[in-house]
Amino acid sequence: MAAQQFEKHLTPNDTTGKFSVPIAWLDAMPEFGEGRQQVLLRAVDGVGFGWQFICAVRKGRYKKPVLNLAEWGRFVSAKSLKAGDRIIFYKEENEFRGSQYRFRAQKLDAYGNWVDV
């Protein structure tokens, strides 16, 4: 069962460079650990494929979290994502599999419904 679900509509910068992670999402991500500026985020997309992203934050007061360009760029390309599409992120607790992160890419279909891609 998902605890808190987060949503972000992609900006042009998100689809051509690094993904700017909303700061509130950090609470649902894996722990960074003392003094660490990055963490590996293993996630499953909305159609069941696994992805690994590196989430990095800046030192200091303003964290400005981002997903690294390498894997994020592959994700954008594989999903043909564009500005206005959206990402749904949440941590799912499962009695049998344990915790699992979900990172769903969605587009609007011809009827105005959001669908996983």
Protein backbone atom coordinates (compact mmCIF):
# COMPACT_ATOMS: atom_id res chain seq x y z
CA MET A 1 0.00 0.00 0.00
CA ALA A 2 1.31 3.47 -0.90
CA ALA A 3 1.82 5.92 1.92
CA GLN A 4 2.11 9.40 0.46
CA GLN A 5 1.97 9.91 -3.28
CA PHE A 6 3.81 12.77 -4.99
CA GLU A 7 3.15 14.23 -8.42
CA LYS A 8 5.10 16.55 -10.72
CA HIS A 9 4.29 17.83 -14.20
CA LEU A 10 7.47 17.89 -16.25
CA THR A 11 9.06 21.17 -17.28
CA PRO A 12 11.11 21.65 -20.47
CA ASN A 13 14.28 21.51 -18.32
CA ASP A 14 13.17 18.19 -16.79
CA THR A 15 12.92 16.61 -20.25
CA THR A 16 16.22 17.91 -21.65
CA GLY A 17 18.47 17.80 -18.58
CA LYS A 18 18.40 16.69 -15.00
CA PHE A 19 15.08 16.07 -13.25
CA SER A 20 14.52 18.64 -10.50
CA VAL A 21 13.16 16.64 -7.60
CA PRO A 22 10.62 18.50 -5.44
CA ILE A 23 12.12 18.87 -1.96
CA ALA A 24 9.10 17.21 -0.31
CA TRP A 25 9.95 13.97 -2.14
CA LEU A 26 13.14 13.56 -0.10
CA ASP A 27 11.09 12.38 2.89
CA ALA A 28 9.90 9.35 0.90
CA MET A 29 13.29 8.48 -0.63
CA PRO A 30 15.95 6.17 0.78
CA GLU A 31 18.10 7.70 3.53
CA PHE A 32 21.13 9.65 2.31
CA GLY A 33 23.24 8.75 5.31
CA GLU A 34 25.46 11.05 7.34
CA GLY A 35 27.38 13.48 5.15
CA ARG A 36 26.33 11.89 1.86
CA GLN A 37 25.18 13.97 -1.09
CA GLN A 38 23.68 11.19 -3.17
CA VAL A 39 21.59 8.06 -2.86
CA LEU A 40 20.66 5.23 -5.21
CA LEU A 41 16.93 5.07 -5.88
CA ARG A 42 15.77 1.73 -7.28
CA ALA A 43 12.24 2.08 -8.60
CA VAL A 44 9.66 0.28 -10.71
CA ASP A 45 7.75 2.21 -13.35
CA GLY A 46 4.02 2.02 -14.04
CA VAL A 47 4.39 -0.84 -16.51
CA GLY A 48 6.66 -3.00 -14.34
CA PHE A 49 10.19 -2.17 -15.53
CA GLY A 50 12.96 -1.53 -13.02
CA TRP A 51 15.06 1.64 -13.06
CA GLN A 52 17.97 2.94 -11.00
CA PHE A 53 18.38 6.66 -10.48
CA ILE A 54 20.97 8.56 -8.51
CA CYS A 55 19.44 11.40 -6.54
CA ALA A 56 21.97 14.07 -5.60
CA VAL A 57 21.66 17.07 -3.30
CA ARG A 58 23.86 20.10 -2.76
CA LYS A 59 25.77 20.74 0.43
CA GLY A 60 24.47 23.54 2.56
CA ARG A 61 21.13 25.07 3.30
CA TYR A 62 19.42 24.67 -0.09
CA LYS A 63 19.48 21.01 -1.12
CA LYS A 64 18.08 21.38 -4.70
CA PRO A 65 17.74 17.62 -5.31
CA VAL A 66 18.10 16.29 -8.87
CA LEU A 67 18.16 12.91 -10.59
CA ASN A 68 21.36 12.38 -12.55
CA LEU A 69 21.20 12.90 -16.27
CA ALA A 70 22.47 9.47 -17.38
CA GLU A 71 19.66 7.21 -16.17
CA TRP A 72 17.04 9.96 -16.14
CA GLY A 73 17.84 10.71 -19.81
CA ARG A 74 17.33 7.04 -20.70
CA PHE A 75 14.00 7.07 -18.84
CA VAL A 76 12.83 10.22 -20.69
CA SER A 77 13.87 8.73 -24.03
CA ALA A 78 12.31 5.30 -23.38
CA LYS A 79 9.01 6.90 -22.36
CA SER A 80 9.10 9.69 -25.02
CA LEU A 81 8.41 12.19 -22.24
CA LYS A 82 7.69 15.84 -22.97
CA ALA A 83 6.96 18.95 -20.93
CA GLY A 84 3.48 18.64 -19.43
CA ASP A 85 3.67 14.86 -18.93
CA ARG A 86 3.75 13.85 -15.30
CA ILE A 87 5.64 11.70 -12.83
CA ILE A 88 3.96 9.98 -9.88
CA PHE A 89 6.36 8.90 -7.11
CA TYR A 90 5.64 6.91 -3.97
CA LYS A 91 6.99 4.25 -1.66
CA GLU A 92 4.89 1.10 -1.61
CA GLU A 93 4.90 -1.27 1.35
CA ASN A 94 4.26 -4.90 0.49
CA GLU A 95 3.93 -7.68 3.03
CA PHE A 96 5.80 -10.14 0.81
CA ARG A 97 8.28 -8.00 -1.15
CA GLY A 98 8.98 -5.33 1.46
CA SER A 99 9.37 -1.68 0.50
CA GLN A 100 9.39 -0.78 -3.16
CA TYR A 101 9.66 2.63 -4.81
CA ARG A 102 7.35 3.44 -7.71
CA PHE A 103 8.23 6.03 -10.35
CA ARG A 104 5.38 6.21 -12.84
CA ALA A 105 5.54 8.25 -16.06
CA GLN A 106 2.15 9.27 -17.40
CA LYS A 107 0.79 10.96 -20.52
CA LEU A 108 -2.67 12.17 -21.41
CA ASP A 109 -4.54 9.90 -23.82
CA ALA A 110 -6.94 11.10 -26.54
CA TYR A 111 -9.78 11.17 -23.97
CA GLY A 112 -7.95 13.31 -21.41
CA ASN A 113 -7.11 10.42 -19.07
CA TRP A 114 -3.67 9.97 -17.53
CA VAL A 115 -2.13 6.63 -18.55
CA ASP A 116 1.13 4.96 -17.58
CA VAL A 117 3.76 4.69 -20.29
